[in-house]
Amino acid sequence: MPQLSSRRTPLSLAVAVAVVVIAAAFFSLMGCSGAQRSSRGCTGPEDLEGSTWLLHVPELQDTPDHSVTFHAGGRMGTTHPRDTTPDNDEWERSDRGLRFWYNNRYAWYDGERTGACVITGEGGNTTGKQWTFRLTWPVDEAAGERSDGESDESDQADEPEAPRKRTRAGF
């Protein structure tokens, strides 16, 4: 039986390089630059700064789902239709993970990453009303919904996550 050579030929090296280049282009076109990928898709941005998420508050039926963008310096942007003071919306990393405020701190949200592309937690306002919330990533800005074609149920907390580098706050 003839022995196979263990030396790599220039052709096999060229094929390996081509495969790497094609894979990098594929992941870049899938919209996950700045994010890690797992077998289930994007795992979300490693850092919240510059990312946009879809906010859902089930207990507040008069509040439509809307996007929240975490800007540099703790500033926050939102498409919330009743945000009367958008210039003072803010966010920060907390011991739990994430804390953000609307309308000059009238409403607050405190959450943690609970799935690959999900942040959940509690919120409330200065009148004492409280609720739960769910942020999902990524967001299709035009449609105001997740852009990966998956339902939110695909990112449940009980599913194992690929390991990733995290800061103290989990982001």
Protein backbone atom coordinates (compact mmCIF):
# COMPACT_ATOMS: atom_id res chain seq x y z
CA MET A 1 0.00 0.00 0.00
CA PRO A 2 1.47 3.39 -0.95
CA GLN A 3 2.31 5.77 1.89
CA LEU A 4 0.70 9.19 1.93
CA SER A 5 2.98 12.15 2.24
CA SER A 6 2.59 14.24 5.38
CA ARG A 7 3.91 17.33 3.60
CA ARG A 8 1.40 19.98 2.65
CA THR A 9 1.30 20.98 -0.96
CA PRO A 10 0.88 24.60 -2.08
CA LEU A 11 -2.58 23.66 -3.37
CA SER A 12 -3.79 22.32 0.02
CA LEU A 13 -2.46 25.45 1.76
CA ALA A 14 -4.29 27.66 -0.76
CA VAL A 15 -7.52 25.74 -0.17
CA ALA A 16 -7.18 26.14 3.62
CA VAL A 17 -6.61 29.90 3.27
CA ALA A 18 -9.63 30.19 0.94
CA VAL A 19 -11.85 28.37 3.45
CA VAL A 20 -10.80 30.75 6.25
CA VAL A 21 -11.42 33.82 4.07
CA ILE A 22 -14.85 32.55 2.99
CA ALA A 23 -15.84 31.76 6.59
CA ALA A 24 -14.77 35.23 7.75
CA ALA A 25 -16.76 36.86 4.95
CA PHE A 26 -19.83 34.74 5.80
CA PHE A 27 -19.80 35.72 9.49
CA SER A 28 -19.23 39.36 8.58
CA LEU A 29 -22.24 39.35 6.26
CA MET A 30 -24.38 37.72 8.96
CA GLY A 31 -24.15 40.93 11.00
CA CYS A 32 -22.20 39.64 13.96
CA SER A 33 -19.15 41.85 13.86
CA GLY A 34 -18.22 42.80 17.40
CA ALA A 35 -20.08 39.76 18.72
CA GLN A 36 -19.23 36.17 19.37
CA ARG A 37 -20.99 33.31 17.60
CA SER A 38 -22.22 30.05 19.00
CA SER A 39 -23.91 27.08 17.36
CA ARG A 40 -27.22 28.90 18.00
CA GLY A 41 -26.16 32.16 16.28
CA CYS A 42 -25.03 35.47 17.70
CA THR A 43 -24.42 35.52 21.42
CA GLY A 44 -24.82 39.27 21.57
CA PRO A 45 -22.27 42.00 21.83
CA GLU A 46 -19.46 41.55 24.33
CA ASP A 47 -19.96 45.13 25.45
CA LEU A 48 -23.32 46.91 25.60
CA GLU A 49 -21.88 50.22 24.42
CA GLY A 50 -23.04 50.91 20.87
CA SER A 51 -25.56 48.06 20.81
CA THR A 52 -29.31 48.28 20.21
CA TRP A 53 -31.81 45.93 21.89
CA LEU A 54 -35.59 45.39 21.70
CA LEU A 55 -37.40 46.10 25.00
CA HIS A 56 -40.57 44.17 25.89
CA VAL A 57 -42.53 44.87 29.10
CA PRO A 58 -45.42 42.35 29.32
CA GLU A 59 -47.17 43.98 32.29
CA LEU A 60 -47.34 47.39 30.59
CA GLN A 61 -49.74 46.59 27.78
CA ASP A 62 -49.98 50.28 26.83
CA THR A 63 -46.20 50.41 26.23
CA PRO A 64 -45.24 49.05 22.81
CA ASP A 65 -42.04 47.10 22.28
CA HIS A 66 -39.31 49.56 21.29
CA SER A 67 -35.57 49.74 20.74
CA VAL A 68 -33.00 50.88 23.28
CA THR A 69 -29.48 51.89 22.22
CA PHE A 70 -26.68 52.08 24.78
CA HIS A 71 -24.38 54.94 23.74
CA ALA A 72 -20.94 55.87 25.07
CA GLY A 73 -20.70 57.82 28.31
CA GLY A 74 -23.83 56.29 29.81
CA ARG A 75 -26.19 58.01 27.36
CA MET A 76 -29.14 56.07 26.01
CA GLY A 77 -31.35 56.40 22.94
CA THR A 78 -34.82 54.93 22.57
CA THR A 79 -37.78 54.74 20.22
CA HIS A 80 -40.24 54.76 23.15
CA PRO A 81 -43.19 56.88 21.96
CA ARG A 82 -43.81 58.43 25.40
CA ASP A 83 -40.22 59.29 26.29
CA THR A 84 -40.80 62.98 27.03
CA THR A 85 -37.19 63.75 28.00
CA PRO A 86 -34.95 61.68 25.72
CA ASP A 87 -31.89 63.83 26.40
CA ASN A 88 -31.56 62.55 29.97
CA ASP A 89 -32.05 58.79 29.48
CA GLU A 90 -29.04 56.96 30.87
CA TRP A 91 -27.52 53.56 31.61
CA GLU A 92 -24.69 51.95 33.57
CA ARG A 93 -23.26 48.57 34.37
CA SER A 94 -24.28 47.41 37.84
CA ASP A 95 -23.31 44.58 40.18
CA ARG A 96 -26.27 42.66 38.78
CA GLY A 97 -25.44 43.50 35.16
CA LEU A 98 -27.28 46.51 33.77
CA ARG A 99 -29.31 49.43 35.07
CA PHE A 100 -31.00 52.11 32.94
CA TRP A 101 -33.44 55.00 33.37
CA TYR A 102 -36.01 56.92 31.31
CA ASN A 103 -37.51 60.39 31.69
CA ASN A 104 -35.14 61.97 34.19
CA ARG A 105 -35.10 58.74 36.25
CA TYR A 106 -38.90 58.54 36.47
CA ALA A 107 -38.67 54.89 35.35
CA TRP A 108 -35.82 52.48 36.16
CA TYR A 109 -34.79 49.03 34.88
CA ASP A 110 -32.36 46.61 36.56
CA GLY A 111 -31.39 43.43 34.71
CA GLU A 112 -28.88 40.73 33.93
CA ARG A 113 -27.99 38.59 30.93
CA THR A 114 -30.03 35.40 31.19
CA GLY A 115 -29.56 33.89 27.73
CA ALA A 116 -27.40 34.15 24.65
CA CYS A 117 -29.10 37.31 23.39
CA VAL A 118 -31.40 38.11 26.30
CA ILE A 119 -31.32 40.45 29.30
CA THR A 120 -34.18 40.17 31.82
CA GLY A 121 -35.01 41.95 35.01
CA GLU A 122 -37.33 44.19 36.96
CA GLY A 123 -38.34 47.79 36.50
CA GLY A 124 -40.44 50.38 38.22
CA ASN A 125 -41.21 54.05 38.49
CA THR A 126 -41.37 56.79 41.10
CA THR A 127 -45.09 56.13 41.74
CA GLY A 128 -44.27 52.63 43.04
CA LYS A 129 -45.50 50.65 40.03
CA GLN A 130 -43.29 47.64 39.21
CA TRP A 131 -42.91 45.25 36.28
CA THR A 132 -40.61 42.75 34.59
CA PHE A 133 -38.82 43.32 31.29
CA ARG A 134 -36.95 41.50 28.57
CA LEU A 135 -34.33 42.93 26.20
CA THR A 136 -33.45 40.87 23.09
CA TRP A 137 -30.65 41.36 20.56
CA PRO A 138 -30.25 42.01 17.65
CA VAL A 139 -32.99 44.41 16.56
CA ASP A 140 -34.27 45.14 13.06
CA GLU A 141 -34.68 48.93 13.38
CA ALA A 142 -37.22 49.18 10.55
CA ALA A 143 -39.48 46.47 11.92
CA GLY A 144 -38.77 47.10 15.60
CA GLU A 145 -38.17 43.41 16.19
CA ARG A 146 -35.38 40.87 16.40
CA SER A 147 -33.51 40.64 13.12
CA ASP A 148 -32.12 37.11 13.39
CA GLY A 149 -35.41 35.45 12.44
CA GLU A 150 -35.57 33.53 15.71
CA SER A 151 -38.23 33.77 18.36
CA ASP A 152 -37.26 34.93 21.84
CA GLU A 153 -37.92 31.42 23.14
CA SER A 154 -34.72 30.22 21.43
CA ASP A 155 -32.63 32.10 24.00
CA GLN A 156 -34.04 30.75 27.24
CA ALA A 157 -31.82 30.88 30.30
CA ASP A 158 -31.83 27.10 30.82
CA GLU A 159 -30.02 26.46 27.52
CA PRO A 160 -26.23 26.14 27.81
CA GLU A 161 -24.25 29.08 26.48
CA ALA A 162 -20.89 28.97 24.77
CA PRO A 163 -18.23 30.27 27.17
CA ARG A 164 -17.32 33.91 26.64
CA LYS A 165 -15.17 36.55 28.21
CA ARG A 166 -17.24 38.64 30.63
CA THR A 167 -16.66 41.68 32.71
CA ARG A 168 -17.73 41.89 36.37
CA ALA A 169 -21.24 42.88 35.27
CA GLY A 170 -21.61 39.99 32.80
CA PHE A 171 -21.11 41.99 29.61
